[in-house]
Protein backbone atom coordinates (compact mmCIF):
# COMPACT_ATOMS: atom_id res chain seq x y z
CA MET A 1 35.31 12.80 -61.98
CA ILE A 2 34.41 9.56 -60.38
CA LEU A 3 30.64 9.02 -59.68
CA GLU A 4 29.66 6.63 -56.65
CA PRO A 5 27.61 3.83 -57.38
CA PRO A 6 23.80 4.18 -57.16
CA VAL A 7 22.32 3.20 -54.00
CA ASP A 8 19.57 0.86 -54.48
CA ILE A 9 16.88 0.26 -51.88
CA GLY A 10 14.02 -2.08 -52.08
CA ARG A 11 10.85 -2.70 -50.01
CA ASP A 12 12.29 -5.23 -47.87
CA ASP A 13 15.54 -3.30 -47.06
CA ALA A 14 13.32 -0.11 -46.36
CA ALA A 15 11.24 -1.88 -43.87
CA ALA A 16 14.33 -3.46 -42.38
CA GLU A 17 15.84 -0.10 -41.84
CA ALA A 18 12.77 1.63 -40.46
CA ALA A 19 12.17 -1.51 -38.01
CA LYS A 20 15.80 -1.11 -36.96
CA GLU A 21 15.60 2.68 -36.21
CA LEU A 22 12.04 2.66 -34.60
CA SER A 23 12.86 -0.22 -32.42
CA LYS A 24 15.59 1.65 -30.25
CA PRO A 25 14.67 1.87 -26.72
CA ALA A 26 14.14 5.73 -26.75
CA TYR A 27 11.03 5.26 -28.85
CA SER A 28 9.49 2.73 -26.61
CA GLN A 29 9.04 5.02 -23.55
CA GLY A 30 5.70 5.99 -24.26
CA GLY A 31 4.17 2.51 -24.40
CA GLU A 32 4.98 -0.63 -26.23
CA SER A 33 1.47 -0.97 -28.09
CA LEU A 34 1.37 2.70 -29.32
CA VAL A 35 4.84 2.10 -30.99
CA THR A 36 4.07 -1.11 -32.27
CA ARG A 37 0.89 -0.14 -34.10
CA ALA A 38 2.91 3.07 -35.25
CA ILE A 39 5.68 0.80 -36.81
CA ARG A 40 3.50 -1.53 -38.57
CA LYS A 41 1.46 1.19 -40.28
CA VAL A 42 4.50 3.19 -41.32
CA LEU A 43 6.38 0.21 -42.64
CA GLU A 44 3.34 -0.64 -44.82
CA TRP A 45 3.33 2.90 -46.09
CA ILE A 46 7.14 3.66 -46.65
CA GLY A 47 7.41 0.10 -48.35
CA ASP A 48 4.77 0.79 -50.74
CA LEU A 49 6.01 4.33 -51.41
CA LEU A 50 9.71 3.38 -51.98
CA GLU A 51 8.66 0.56 -53.88
CA GLY A 52 7.46 2.93 -56.68
CA LEU A 53 10.22 5.40 -56.28
CA THR A 54 13.00 2.81 -56.74
CA GLY A 55 11.28 1.42 -59.72
CA GLN A 56 11.01 4.57 -61.38
CA SER A 57 14.44 5.89 -60.62
CA SER A 58 17.96 4.86 -61.76
CA SER A 59 19.19 5.47 -58.23
CA GLY A 60 17.69 4.69 -54.71
CA ARG A 61 19.74 7.48 -53.15
CA THR A 62 16.43 9.75 -53.33
CA GLY A 63 14.42 6.97 -51.75
CA LEU A 64 16.61 6.47 -49.20
CA PHE A 65 16.96 10.07 -47.96
CA LEU A 66 13.11 10.21 -48.10
CA LEU A 67 12.83 7.13 -45.91
CA PHE A 68 15.07 8.77 -43.10
CA GLY A 69 13.35 11.67 -43.40
CA LEU A 70 9.77 9.93 -43.06
CA ILE A 71 11.36 8.10 -40.05
CA ALA A 72 12.40 11.24 -38.25
CA LEU A 73 8.79 12.77 -38.73
CA VAL A 74 7.22 9.61 -37.44
CA VAL A 75 9.26 9.38 -34.48
CA ILE A 76 8.37 12.86 -33.46
CA VAL A 77 4.85 12.35 -33.74
CA VAL A 78 4.97 9.09 -32.02
CA LEU A 79 7.07 10.43 -28.91
CA TRP A 80 4.51 13.53 -28.90
CA ARG A 81 1.51 11.18 -28.67
CA ALA A 82 3.06 9.34 -26.28
CA GLY A 83 3.88 11.96 -24.06
CA VAL A 84 7.72 11.72 -24.14
CA LEU A 85 8.12 15.29 -25.63
CA ARG A 86 5.66 17.00 -23.43
CA THR A 87 7.24 18.86 -20.44
CA THR A 88 4.02 19.83 -18.89
CA ARG A 89 0.16 18.83 -18.90
CA THR A 90 -2.23 21.15 -20.39
CA THR A 91 -3.71 23.02 -17.21
CA SER A 92 -4.44 26.53 -16.89
CA ALA A 93 -2.18 26.95 -13.81
CA PRO A 94 -0.21 24.64 -11.65
CA THR A 95 -2.31 25.23 -8.48
CA VAL A 96 -1.87 23.20 -5.42
CA PHE A 97 -5.45 22.54 -4.77
CA GLU A 98 -8.25 21.90 -7.20
CA THR A 99 -11.54 23.63 -7.10
CA GLY A 100 -13.95 22.27 -4.71
CA SER A 101 -14.17 21.57 -0.99
CA LEU A 102 -10.79 21.29 0.72
CA ARG A 103 -9.75 18.87 3.47
CA THR A 104 -7.93 19.26 6.53
CA ALA A 105 -4.04 18.53 6.71
CA ALA A 106 -4.61 15.47 8.55
CA GLU A 107 -7.04 14.17 6.18
CA TYR A 108 -4.58 14.89 3.37
CA ARG A 109 -1.85 13.21 5.24
CA ALA A 110 -3.76 10.20 5.77
CA GLN A 111 -4.40 10.03 2.07
CA ALA A 112 -0.85 10.29 1.23
CA GLU A 113 0.36 7.51 3.72
CA HIS A 114 -2.24 5.16 2.27
CA GLU A 115 -1.20 5.94 -1.43
CA ALA A 116 2.45 5.67 -0.59
CA ALA A 117 1.68 2.34 1.22
CA SER A 118 -0.03 1.06 -2.01
CA GLY A 119 2.84 2.20 -4.03
CA ASP A 120 1.27 4.89 -5.85
CA TYR A 121 3.81 7.70 -4.97
CA THR A 122 2.52 9.95 -7.67
CA ALA A 123 -0.69 10.50 -6.05
CA ALA A 124 1.05 10.39 -2.66
CA VAL A 125 3.32 13.31 -3.58
CA ARG A 126 0.15 15.39 -4.62
CA SER A 127 -1.54 14.54 -1.33
CA ARG A 128 1.41 15.05 0.96
CA PHE A 129 2.17 18.39 -0.61
CA ARG A 130 -1.45 19.45 0.00
CA ALA A 131 -1.21 18.23 3.53
CA CYS A 132 1.82 20.59 3.82
CA VAL A 133 0.26 23.63 2.60
CA ALA A 134 -3.05 23.21 4.47
CA GLU A 135 -0.93 22.78 7.64
CA LEU A 136 0.56 26.07 6.98
CA THR A 137 -2.64 27.33 6.45
CA GLU A 138 -4.22 26.08 9.69
CA ARG A 139 -1.30 27.40 11.53
CA THR A 140 -1.74 30.81 10.00
CA VAL A 141 1.53 30.82 8.31
CA LEU A 142 -0.34 31.09 5.18
CA ASP A 143 -3.77 32.94 4.45
CA GLU A 144 -6.62 30.97 2.92
CA ARG A 145 -6.13 32.04 -0.77
CA ALA A 146 -7.55 30.09 -3.56
CA GLY A 147 -5.46 29.27 -6.76
CA ARG A 148 -2.12 29.54 -4.86
CA THR A 149 0.91 27.49 -6.82
CA ALA A 150 3.37 25.73 -5.08
CA TYR A 151 6.13 28.16 -5.56
CA GLU A 152 3.65 30.93 -4.40
CA ALA A 153 3.20 28.73 -1.20
CA VAL A 154 6.94 28.66 -0.86
CA ALA A 155 7.39 32.49 -1.32
CA ASP A 156 4.44 33.25 1.01
CA ALA A 157 5.59 30.87 3.63
CA GLY A 158 9.29 31.87 3.32
CA ARG A 159 8.18 35.58 3.92
CA VAL A 160 6.73 34.59 7.01
CA VAL A 161 9.06 32.18 8.19
CA PRO A 162 12.44 32.26 6.32
CA ALA A 163 13.67 28.90 7.81
CA LEU A 164 10.87 27.23 5.99
CA ARG A 165 12.28 28.00 2.40
CA GLU A 166 14.88 25.38 2.46
CA PRO A 167 12.62 22.41 2.96
CA LEU A 168 9.55 23.84 1.07
CA ARG A 169 11.41 24.67 -2.29
CA PRO A 170 12.55 21.16 -3.16
CA ALA A 171 9.06 19.66 -2.29
CA ALA A 172 7.46 22.20 -4.63
CA ASP A 173 9.89 21.16 -7.34
CA VAL A 174 8.74 17.68 -6.78
CA PHE A 175 5.15 18.57 -6.72
CA THR A 176 5.10 20.38 -9.83
CA GLU A 177 7.15 17.99 -11.89
CA VAL A 178 5.12 15.04 -10.75
CA VAL A 179 1.77 16.40 -10.66
CA TYR A 180 2.03 18.71 -13.70
CA GLY A 181 4.82 17.44 -15.60
CA ASN A 182 5.77 13.78 -16.76
CA ARG A 183 8.07 12.85 -13.95
CA PRO A 184 7.11 9.57 -12.13
CA GLY A 185 6.31 9.49 -8.38
CA THR A 186 9.30 7.81 -6.30
CA PRO A 187 9.78 6.98 -2.80
CA GLU A 188 12.76 9.40 -2.76
CA ARG A 189 10.65 12.35 -4.20
CA TYR A 190 7.86 11.67 -1.75
CA ALA A 191 10.63 11.71 0.97
CA ARG A 192 11.32 15.37 0.11
CA VAL A 193 7.73 16.49 0.41
CA VAL A 194 7.40 14.38 3.74
CA ALA A 195 10.35 16.39 5.14
CA ALA A 196 8.54 19.81 4.10
CA ASP A 197 5.46 18.65 5.73
CA GLU A 198 7.19 17.80 8.87
CA ALA A 199 8.87 21.20 8.82
CA ALA A 200 5.32 22.70 8.60
CA ARG A 201 4.16 20.70 11.53
CA ARG A 202 7.09 22.03 13.67
CA VAL A 203 6.42 25.58 13.04
CA SER A 204 5.90 27.51 16.16
CA THR A 205 2.67 29.56 16.15
CA ARG A 206 3.79 31.18 19.44
CA ALA A 207 6.76 32.89 17.55
CA LEU A 208 4.38 33.93 15.07
CA VAL A 209 2.43 35.77 17.30
CA GLN A 210 5.41 37.50 19.20
CA GLY A 211 6.83 38.52 15.82
């Protein structure tokens, strides 16, 4: 039986392998400073550990396997701390409004337009969807109920005015993903919420009374 030659790996080689792996673009999404600090600390620790392992063993294969195992663990920790692996924020429920005094639809709408003009589309998405729900409440499509989620607003409004389901559902998706997830606000996502708000403003209260 032919034996493979041993794989020797020293401290410098281990550091180079770790740096090569951790410098991939996927690991830098959560913030360069965090990853840079993590890489520096990990390389120092892994380098010291592997230096001892390779010096005591006739083969560096065990040290190589350990290196990549440690890299995988560190990558998971770094991505989790950076928020890349988190799908939702730690909140009790993805409600439309926070506790406290509510504003009118016009006030939320003006705030959203100001935030969008300044380029803060994440805040603009939040404010404009709140304007949409506030508008539906003011026009008696929705009743005043605290703690309503975005999807509950869609369901409740859709039962009263079925035509609202189509524009409201994409807006609820955007609101939930941007406000309670890690998706960034963009002009395209904001436009979906604006379309829902415009649909809410066009609702005929006369038709509701007749119905």
